Amino acid sequence: MMKPPRAAGRPLLPTSPFGAPPLTPPAEQFAPHDQVTHDKYGLGLVITVQNDGSLIIDFGARRVRITMPCAKLAKL
């Protein structure tokens, strides 16, 4: 026996007591010489912002290429 098709998503009514779903925050924009912190590598300095959205970051002992978006990276 087949199951009936599921209904499409319901529209959000302005008077709904549940409110709108949370909006995603805008992605952080990085520029050369921005100080950043990374959960694994620690404090670093942005060296280059590449066209594909990746960053080259100098963490002192090493330089790392990190693709964006990266949840472990935050601007200071």
Protein backbone atom coordinates (compact mmCIF):
# COMPACT_ATOMS: atom_id res chain seq x y z
CA MET A 1 0.00 0.00 0.00
CA MET A 2 1.40 3.39 -0.99
CA LYS A 3 1.55 6.35 1.35
CA PRO A 4 -0.18 9.57 0.32
CA PRO A 5 2.12 12.40 -0.86
CA ARG A 6 3.30 14.83 1.81
CA ALA A 7 1.91 18.32 1.85
CA ALA A 8 4.13 21.19 0.71
CA GLY A 9 5.70 23.48 3.29
CA ARG A 10 3.25 25.78 4.98
CA PRO A 11 3.49 29.52 4.44
CA LEU A 12 4.57 31.69 7.35
CA LEU A 13 1.73 33.91 8.49
CA PRO A 14 2.62 37.36 9.90
CA THR A 15 0.32 36.74 12.88
CA SER A 16 1.84 33.34 13.70
CA PRO A 17 2.81 32.97 17.38
CA PHE A 18 5.81 30.89 16.36
CA GLY A 19 7.57 33.73 14.53
CA ALA A 20 9.85 33.62 11.56
CA PRO A 21 12.71 31.15 11.36
CA PRO A 22 16.01 32.73 12.42
CA LEU A 23 17.90 34.43 9.62
CA THR A 24 21.42 33.30 8.90
CA PRO A 25 23.98 35.94 9.81
CA PRO A 26 25.94 37.45 6.92
CA ALA A 27 29.26 35.83 6.20
CA GLU A 28 32.26 37.60 7.71
CA GLN A 29 34.36 39.60 5.29
CA PHE A 30 38.11 39.39 5.73
CA ALA A 31 40.81 41.74 4.45
CA PRO A 32 44.60 41.52 4.46
CA HIS A 33 46.14 42.33 7.87
CA ASP A 34 43.01 41.29 9.80
CA GLN A 35 43.76 39.45 13.02
CA VAL A 36 41.89 36.17 13.34
CA THR A 37 41.67 33.22 15.69
CA HIS A 38 41.20 29.59 14.71
CA ASP A 39 40.15 26.77 17.05
CA LYS A 40 43.00 24.52 15.91
CA TYR A 41 45.82 26.90 14.88
CA GLY A 42 45.32 29.80 17.33
CA LEU A 43 46.00 33.48 16.57
CA GLY A 44 46.88 34.49 13.04
CA LEU A 45 47.11 37.30 10.53
CA VAL A 46 45.36 37.27 7.14
CA ILE A 47 47.99 37.52 4.41
CA THR A 48 45.89 37.14 1.24
CA VAL A 49 42.21 36.96 0.31
CA GLN A 50 41.86 34.93 -2.88
CA ASN A 51 39.15 35.27 -5.55
CA ASP A 52 37.59 31.89 -4.73
CA GLY A 53 36.91 33.03 -1.15
CA SER A 54 39.80 31.23 0.50
CA LEU A 55 42.28 32.90 2.83
CA ILE A 56 46.01 32.51 3.35
CA ILE A 57 46.66 33.02 7.07
CA ASP A 58 50.01 33.26 8.86
CA PHE A 59 49.82 31.52 12.24
CA GLY A 60 53.47 32.19 13.13
CA ALA A 61 54.91 28.71 12.75
CA ARG A 62 52.99 27.98 9.54
CA ARG A 63 50.87 29.48 6.79
CA VAL A 64 47.53 27.81 6.16
CA ARG A 65 45.03 28.10 3.31
CA ILE A 66 41.47 28.05 4.68
CA THR A 67 38.38 27.92 2.48
CA MET A 68 35.40 29.99 3.51
CA PRO A 69 32.97 29.68 5.19
CA CYS A 70 34.83 28.23 8.16
CA ALA A 71 33.02 27.88 11.49
CA LYS A 72 36.31 27.55 13.40
CA LEU A 73 37.62 30.95 12.20
CA ALA A 74 36.68 34.29 13.78
CA LYS A 75 37.84 37.85 13.23
CA LEU A 76 39.21 39.71 16.26
